[in-house]
PDB file of N, CA and C in Angstrom:
ATOM      1  N   MET A   1       0.859  -1.171   0.070  1.00  0.00           N
ATOM      2  CA  MET A   1       0.047   0.121   0.187  1.00  0.00           C
ATOM      3  C   MET A   1       0.974   1.305  -0.134  1.00  0.00           C
ATOM      4  N   PRO A   2       0.513   2.193  -0.996  1.00  0.00           N
ATOM      5  CA  PRO A   2       1.400   3.426  -1.079  1.00  0.00           C
ATOM      6  C   PRO A   2       1.282   4.288   0.206  1.00  0.00           C
ATOM      7  N   SER A   3       2.538   4.717   0.725  1.00  0.00           N
ATOM      8  CA  SER A   3       2.489   5.769   1.739  1.00  0.00           C
ATOM      9  C   SER A   3       1.527   6.957   1.857  1.00  0.00           C
ATOM     10  N   ARG A   4       1.233   7.662   2.800  1.00  0.00           N
ATOM     11  CA  ARG A   4       0.373   8.750   2.596  1.00  0.00           C
ATOM     12  C   ARG A   4       0.985   9.741   1.767  1.00  0.00           C
ATOM     13  N   GLY A   5       0.326  10.459   1.133  1.00  0.00           N
ATOM     14  CA  GLY A   5       0.818  11.556   0.127  1.00  0.00           C
ATOM     15  C   GLY A   5       1.156  11.180  -1.246  1.00  0.00           C
ATOM     16  N   THR A   6       1.368   9.856  -1.267  1.00  0.00           N
ATOM     17  CA  THR A   6       1.588   9.213  -2.885  1.00  0.00           C
ATOM     18  C   THR A   6       0.566   9.296  -3.660  1.00  0.00           C
ATOM     19  N   THR A   7       0.895  10.120  -4.839  1.00  0.00           N
ATOM     20  CA  THR A   7      -0.293  10.047  -5.830  1.00  0.00           C
ATOM     21  C   THR A   7      -0.208   8.958  -6.986  1.00  0.00           C
ATOM     22  N   ILE A   8      -1.339   8.419  -7.037  1.00  0.00           N
ATOM     23  CA  ILE A   8      -1.392   7.335  -8.062  1.00  0.00           C
ATOM     24  C   ILE A   8      -2.560   7.692  -9.137  1.00  0.00           C
ATOM     25  N   ILE A   9      -1.848   7.586 -10.405  1.00  0.00           N
ATOM     26  CA  ILE A   9      -3.127   8.018 -11.506  1.00  0.00           C
ATOM     27  C   ILE A   9      -3.477   6.804 -12.305  1.00  0.00           C
ATOM     28  N   LEU A  10      -4.681   6.603 -12.277  1.00  0.00           N
ATOM     29  CA  LEU A  10      -5.290   5.439 -13.058  1.00  0.00           C
ATOM     30  C   LEU A  10      -6.288   5.955 -13.968  1.00  0.00           C
ATOM     31  N   PHE A  11      -6.446   5.380 -15.064  1.00  0.00           N
ATOM     32  CA  PHE A  11      -7.552   5.471 -16.084  1.00  0.00           C
ATOM     33  C   PHE A  11      -8.117   4.228 -16.415  1.00  0.00           C
ATOM     34  N   GLN A  12      -9.536   4.234 -16.391  1.00  0.00           N
ATOM     35  CA  GLN A  12     -10.258   2.960 -16.927  1.00  0.00           C
ATOM     36  C   GLN A  12     -11.198   3.455 -18.132  1.00  0.00           C
ATOM     37  N   SER A  13     -11.250   2.649 -18.962  1.00  0.00           N
ATOM     38  CA  SER A  13     -12.068   2.936 -20.287  1.00  0.00           C
ATOM     39  C   SER A  13     -13.161   1.840 -20.160  1.00  0.00           C
ATOM     40  N   SER A  14     -14.436   2.210 -20.487  1.00  0.00           N
ATOM     41  CA  SER A  14     -15.546   1.340 -20.378  1.00  0.00           C
ATOM     42  C   SER A  14     -16.426   2.130 -21.499  1.00  0.00           C
ATOM     43  N   LEU A  15     -17.221   1.054 -22.147  1.00  0.00           N
ATOM     44  CA  LEU A  15     -18.332   1.245 -22.779  1.00  0.00           C
ATOM     45  C   LEU A  15     -19.654   1.728 -22.188  1.00  0.00           C
ATOM     46  N   SER A  16     -19.458   1.675 -20.757  1.00  0.00           N
ATOM     47  CA  SER A  16     -20.659   1.895 -19.900  1.00  0.00           C
ATOM     48  C   SER A  16     -20.162   2.981 -18.887  1.00  0.00           C
ATOM     49  N   ARG A  17     -21.076   3.779 -18.506  1.00  0.00           N
ATOM     50  CA  ARG A  17     -20.850   4.578 -17.138  1.00  0.00           C
ATOM     51  C   ARG A  17     -21.534   4.088 -16.196  1.00  0.00           C
ATOM     52  N   ALA A  18     -22.116   2.940 -16.154  1.00  0.00           N
ATOM     53  CA  ALA A  18     -22.938   2.305 -15.161  1.00  0.00           C
ATOM     54  C   ALA A  18     -22.086   2.149 -13.788  1.00  0.00           C
ATOM     55  N   ARG A  19     -22.786   2.464 -12.663  1.00  0.00           N
ATOM     56  CA  ARG A  19     -22.063   2.502 -11.295  1.00  0.00           C
ATOM     57  C   ARG A  19     -21.421   1.196 -11.048  1.00  0.00           C
ATOM     58  N   SER A  20     -21.932   0.134 -11.679  1.00  0.00           N
ATOM     59  CA  SER A  20     -21.188  -1.261 -11.307  1.00  0.00           C
ATOM     60  C   SER A  20     -19.878  -1.267 -11.989  1.00  0.00           C
ATOM     61  N   VAL A  21     -19.460  -0.475 -12.862  1.00  0.00           N
ATOM     62  CA  VAL A  21     -18.149  -0.541 -13.460  1.00  0.00           C
ATOM     63  C   VAL A  21     -17.202   0.254 -12.611  1.00  0.00           C
ATOM     64  N   LEU A  22     -17.500   1.320 -12.011  1.00  0.00           N
ATOM     65  CA  LEU A  22     -16.736   1.799 -10.817  1.00  0.00           C
ATOM     66  C   LEU A  22     -16.619   1.264  -9.760  1.00  0.00           C
ATOM     67  N   GLU A  23     -17.528   0.438  -9.196  1.00  0.00           N
ATOM     68  CA  GLU A  23     -17.384  -0.314  -7.967  1.00  0.00           C
ATOM     69  C   GLU A  23     -16.611  -1.336  -8.277  1.00  0.00           C
ATOM     70  N   SER A  24     -16.662  -2.027  -9.387  1.00  0.00           N
ATOM     71  CA  SER A  24     -15.625  -3.062  -9.857  1.00  0.00           C
ATOM     72  C   SER A  24     -14.212  -2.698  -9.839  1.00  0.00           C
ATOM     73  N   PHE A  25     -14.088  -1.432 -10.485  1.00  0.00           N
ATOM     74  CA  PHE A  25     -12.780  -0.751 -10.547  1.00  0.00           C
ATOM     75  C   PHE A  25     -12.223  -0.462  -9.235  1.00  0.00           C
ATOM     76  N   THR A  26     -13.085  -0.074  -8.222  1.00  0.00           N
ATOM     77  CA  THR A  26     -12.533   0.355  -6.825  1.00  0.00           C
ATOM     78  C   THR A  26     -12.612  -0.556  -5.816  1.00  0.00           C
ATOM     79  N   GLU A  27     -12.838  -1.637  -6.194  1.00  0.00           N
ATOM     80  CA  GLU A  27     -12.959  -2.719  -5.121  1.00  0.00           C
ATOM     81  C   GLU A  27     -11.737  -2.956  -4.360  1.00  0.00           C
ATOM     82  N   GLY A  28     -11.728  -2.898  -2.984  1.00  0.00           N
ATOM     83  CA  GLY A  28     -10.651  -2.757  -2.197  1.00  0.00           C
ATOM     84  C   GLY A  28     -10.107  -1.589  -1.818  1.00  0.00           C
ATOM     85  N   TYR A  29     -10.468  -0.425  -2.467  1.00  0.00           N
ATOM     86  CA  TYR A  29      -9.727   0.900  -2.715  1.00  0.00           C
ATOM     87  C   TYR A  29     -10.565   1.754  -1.522  1.00  0.00           C
ATOM     88  N   SER A  30     -10.052   2.510  -0.816  1.00  0.00           N
ATOM     89  CA  SER A  30     -10.633   3.684  -0.090  1.00  0.00           C
ATOM     90  C   SER A  30      -9.494   4.910  -0.287  1.00  0.00           C
ATOM     91  N   GLY A  31     -10.184   6.119  -0.485  1.00  0.00           N
ATOM     92  CA  GLY A  31      -9.317   7.324  -0.662  1.00  0.00           C
ATOM     93  C   GLY A  31     -10.301   8.259  -1.483  1.00  0.00           C
ATOM     94  N   THR A  32      -9.518   9.214  -2.239  1.00  0.00           N
ATOM     95  CA  THR A  32     -10.025  10.137  -3.184  1.00  0.00           C
ATOM     96  C   THR A  32     -10.144   9.745  -4.611  1.00  0.00           C
ATOM     97  N   ILE A  33     -11.228  10.100  -5.336  1.00  0.00           N
ATOM     98  CA  ILE A  33     -11.117   9.962  -6.592  1.00  0.00           C
ATOM     99  C   ILE A  33     -11.623  11.280  -7.238  1.00  0.00           C
ATOM    100  N   ILE A  34     -10.931  11.769  -8.221  1.00  0.00           N
ATOM    101  CA  ILE A  34     -11.267  13.005  -8.869  1.00  0.00           C
ATOM    102  C   ILE A  34     -11.924  12.667 -10.397  1.00  0.00           C
ATOM    103  N   CYS A  35     -13.064  12.991 -10.432  1.00  0.00           N
ATOM    104  CA  CYS A  35     -14.094  12.719 -11.613  1.00  0.00           C
ATOM    105  C   CYS A  35     -14.857  13.908 -12.027  1.00  0.00           C
ATOM    106  N   ASP A  36     -15.637  13.595 -12.825  1.00  0.00           N
ATOM    107  CA  ASP A  36     -16.570  14.694 -13.508  1.00  0.00           C
ATOM    108  C   ASP A  36     -17.735  14.881 -12.956  1.00  0.00           C
ATOM    109  N   GLY A  37     -18.082  14.323 -11.702  1.00  0.00           N
ATOM    110  CA  GLY A  37     -19.309  14.632 -10.869  1.00  0.00           C
ATOM    111  C   GLY A  37     -20.563  14.032 -11.273  1.00  0.00           C
ATOM    112  N   TYR A  38     -20.300  12.925 -12.100  1.00  0.00           N
ATOM    113  CA  TYR A  38     -21.528  12.253 -12.625  1.00  0.00           C
ATOM    114  C   TYR A  38     -22.155  11.575 -11.126  1.00  0.00           C
ATOM    115  N   SER A  39     -23.551  11.876 -11.124  1.00  0.00           N
ATOM    116  CA  SER A  39     -24.245  11.617 -10.100  1.00  0.00           C
ATOM    117  C   SER A  39     -24.409  10.027  -9.698  1.00  0.00           C
ATOM    118  N   ALA A  40     -24.217   9.046 -10.617  1.00  0.00           N
ATOM    119  CA  ALA A  40     -23.985   7.584 -10.417  1.00  0.00           C
ATOM    120  C   ALA A  40     -22.991   7.237  -9.523  1.00  0.00           C
ATOM    121  N   TYR A  41     -22.010   8.234  -9.305  1.00  0.00           N
ATOM    122  CA  TYR A  41     -20.632   7.782  -8.687  1.00  0.00           C
ATOM    123  C   TYR A  41     -20.786   8.425  -7.273  1.00  0.00           C
ATOM    124  N   ASP A  42     -21.828   8.959  -6.569  1.00  0.00           N
ATOM    125  CA  ASP A  42     -21.838   9.319  -5.256  1.00  0.00           C
ATOM    126  C   ASP A  42     -22.035   7.993  -4.328  1.00  0.00           C
ATOM    127  N   LYS A  43     -21.549   8.337  -3.134  1.00  0.00           N
ATOM    128  CA  LYS A  43     -21.891   7.505  -1.846  1.00  0.00           C
ATOM    129  C   LYS A  43     -21.434   5.986  -2.298  1.00  0.00           C
ATOM    130  N   ILE A  44     -20.234   5.931  -2.566  1.00  0.00           N
ATOM    131  CA  ILE A  44     -19.742   4.482  -2.260  1.00  0.00           C
ATOM    132  C   ILE A  44     -18.760   4.438  -1.203  1.00  0.00           C
ATOM    133  N   ASP A  45     -18.919   3.724  -0.363  1.00  0.00           N
ATOM    134  CA  ASP A  45     -18.415   3.442   0.989  1.00  0.00           C
ATOM    135  C   ASP A  45     -16.612   3.493   0.867  1.00  0.00           C
ATOM    136  N   GLY A  46     -16.206   4.401   1.601  1.00  0.00           N
ATOM    137  CA  GLY A  46     -14.880   4.505   1.507  1.00  0.00           C
ATOM    138  C   GLY A  46     -14.296   5.490   0.445  1.00  0.00           C
ATOM    139  N   ILE A  47     -15.017   5.937  -0.463  1.00  0.00           N
ATOM    140  CA  ILE A  47     -14.452   6.636  -1.346  1.00  0.00           C
ATOM    141  C   ILE A  47     -14.921   8.189  -1.303  1.00  0.00           C
ATOM    142  N   THR A  48     -14.024   9.111  -1.087  1.00  0.00           N
ATOM    143  CA  THR A  48     -14.863  10.463  -1.401  1.00  0.00           C
ATOM    144  C   THR A  48     -14.427  11.034  -2.956  1.00  0.00           C
ATOM    145  N   PHE A  49     -15.473  11.677  -3.457  1.00  0.00           N
ATOM    146  CA  PHE A  49     -15.239  12.217  -4.659  1.00  0.00           C
ATOM    147  C   PHE A  49     -14.947  13.719  -4.879  1.00  0.00           C
ATOM    148  N   ALA A  50     -13.927  13.959  -5.787  1.00  0.00           N
ATOM    149  CA  ALA A  50     -13.773  15.412  -5.915  1.00  0.00           C
ATOM    150  C   ALA A  50     -13.917  15.805  -7.369  1.00  0.00           C
ATOM    151  N   ASN A  51     -14.542  16.755  -7.571  1.00  0.00           N
ATOM    152  CA  ASN A  51     -14.811  17.227  -9.073  1.00  0.00           C
ATOM    153  C   ASN A  51     -13.676  17.780  -9.729  1.00  0.00           C
ATOM    154  N   PHE A  52     -13.486  17.342 -10.987  1.00  0.00           N
ATOM    155  CA  PHE A  52     -12.320  17.756 -11.699  1.00  0.00           C
ATOM    156  C   PHE A  52     -12.594  19.245 -11.801  1.00  0.00           C
ATOM    157  N   GLY A  53     -11.337  20.087 -11.788  1.00  0.00           N
ATOM    158  CA  GLY A  53     -11.533  21.372 -11.797  1.00  0.00           C
ATOM    159  C   GLY A  53     -11.963  22.063 -13.111  1.00  0.00           C
ATOM    160  N   GLY A  54     -11.602  21.453 -14.326  1.00  0.00           N
ATOM    161  CA  GLY A  54     -12.417  22.022 -15.424  1.00  0.00           C
ATOM    162  C   GLY A  54     -13.898  21.943 -15.599  1.00  0.00           C
ATOM    163  N   HIS A  55     -14.409  20.938 -14.968  1.00  0.00           N
ATOM    164  CA  HIS A  55     -15.885  20.789 -14.814  1.00  0.00           C
ATOM    165  C   HIS A  55     -16.396  21.676 -13.704  1.00  0.00           C
ATOM    166  N   VAL A  56     -15.775  22.094 -12.677  1.00  0.00           N
ATOM    167  CA  VAL A  56     -16.060  22.927 -11.764  1.00  0.00           C
ATOM    168  C   VAL A  56     -16.195  24.380 -12.200  1.00  0.00           C
ATOM    169  N   ARG A  57     -15.193  24.706 -12.995  1.00  0.00           N
ATOM    170  CA  ARG A  57     -15.280  26.088 -13.862  1.00  0.00           C
ATOM    171  C   ARG A  57     -16.341  26.084 -14.617  1.00  0.00           C
ATOM    172  N   ARG A  58     -16.798  25.132 -15.490  1.00  0.00           N
ATOM    173  CA  ARG A  58     -17.838  25.152 -16.259  1.00  0.00           C
ATOM    174  C   ARG A  58     -19.213  25.294 -15.375  1.00  0.00           C
ATOM    175  N   TYR A  59     -19.287  24.627 -14.439  1.00  0.00           N
ATOM    176  CA  TYR A  59     -20.512  24.817 -13.690  1.00  0.00           C
ATOM    177  C   TYR A  59     -20.635  26.316 -13.170  1.00  0.00           C
ATOM    178  N   TRP A  60     -19.473  26.869 -12.478  1.00  0.00           N
ATOM    179  CA  TRP A  60     -19.378  28.222 -11.974  1.00  0.00           C
ATOM    180  C   TRP A  60     -19.906  29.155 -13.113  1.00  0.00           C
ATOM    181  N   LEU A  61     -19.234  28.752 -14.406  1.00  0.00           N
ATOM    182  CA  LEU A  61     -19.552  30.013 -15.515  1.00  0.00           C
ATOM    183  C   LEU A  61     -21.193  29.652 -15.904  1.00  0.00           C
ATOM    184  N   LYS A  62     -21.604  28.688 -15.684  1.00  0.00           N
ATOM    185  CA  LYS A  62     -23.148  28.335 -16.262  1.00  0.00           C
ATOM    186  C   LYS A  62     -23.889  29.185 -15.034  1.00  0.00           C
ATOM    187  N   ALA A  63     -23.638  28.888 -13.801  1.00  0.00           N
ATOM    188  CA  ALA A  63     -24.298  29.570 -12.848  1.00  0.00           C
ATOM    189  C   ALA A  63     -24.165  31.061 -12.938  1.00  0.00           C
ATOM    190  N   ASP A  64     -23.270  31.637 -13.396  1.00  0.00           N
ATOM    191  CA  ASP A  64     -22.885  33.057 -13.470  1.00  0.00           C
ATOM    192  C   ASP A  64     -23.546  33.623 -14.813  1.00  0.00           C
ATOM    193  N   GLY A  65     -24.162  32.681 -15.582  1.00  0.00           N
ATOM    194  CA  GLY A  65     -24.908  33.225 -16.722  1.00  0.00           C
ATOM    195  C   GLY A  65     -24.182  33.481 -17.963  1.00  0.00           C
ATOM    196  N   LYS A  66     -22.852  32.903 -17.998  1.00  0.00           N
ATOM    197  CA  LYS A  66     -21.830  33.274 -18.995  1.00  0.00           C
ATOM    198  C   LYS A  66     -21.684  31.893 -20.117  1.00  0.00           C
TER     199      LYS A  66
END
């Protein structure tokens, strides 16, 4: 298991965005995942989701009416 502070970057490609795909991919993992905020990915035990910065900016601009 990596020490605290170690960053690991993994990408998974799938033809489906089903929640079951992410649950399978993260089996045995606990920590933070940066993603696009897709609502199917919330509330998986042991995982904290953080929105990707580019998507946060898009939501901010949309709320600001730009």
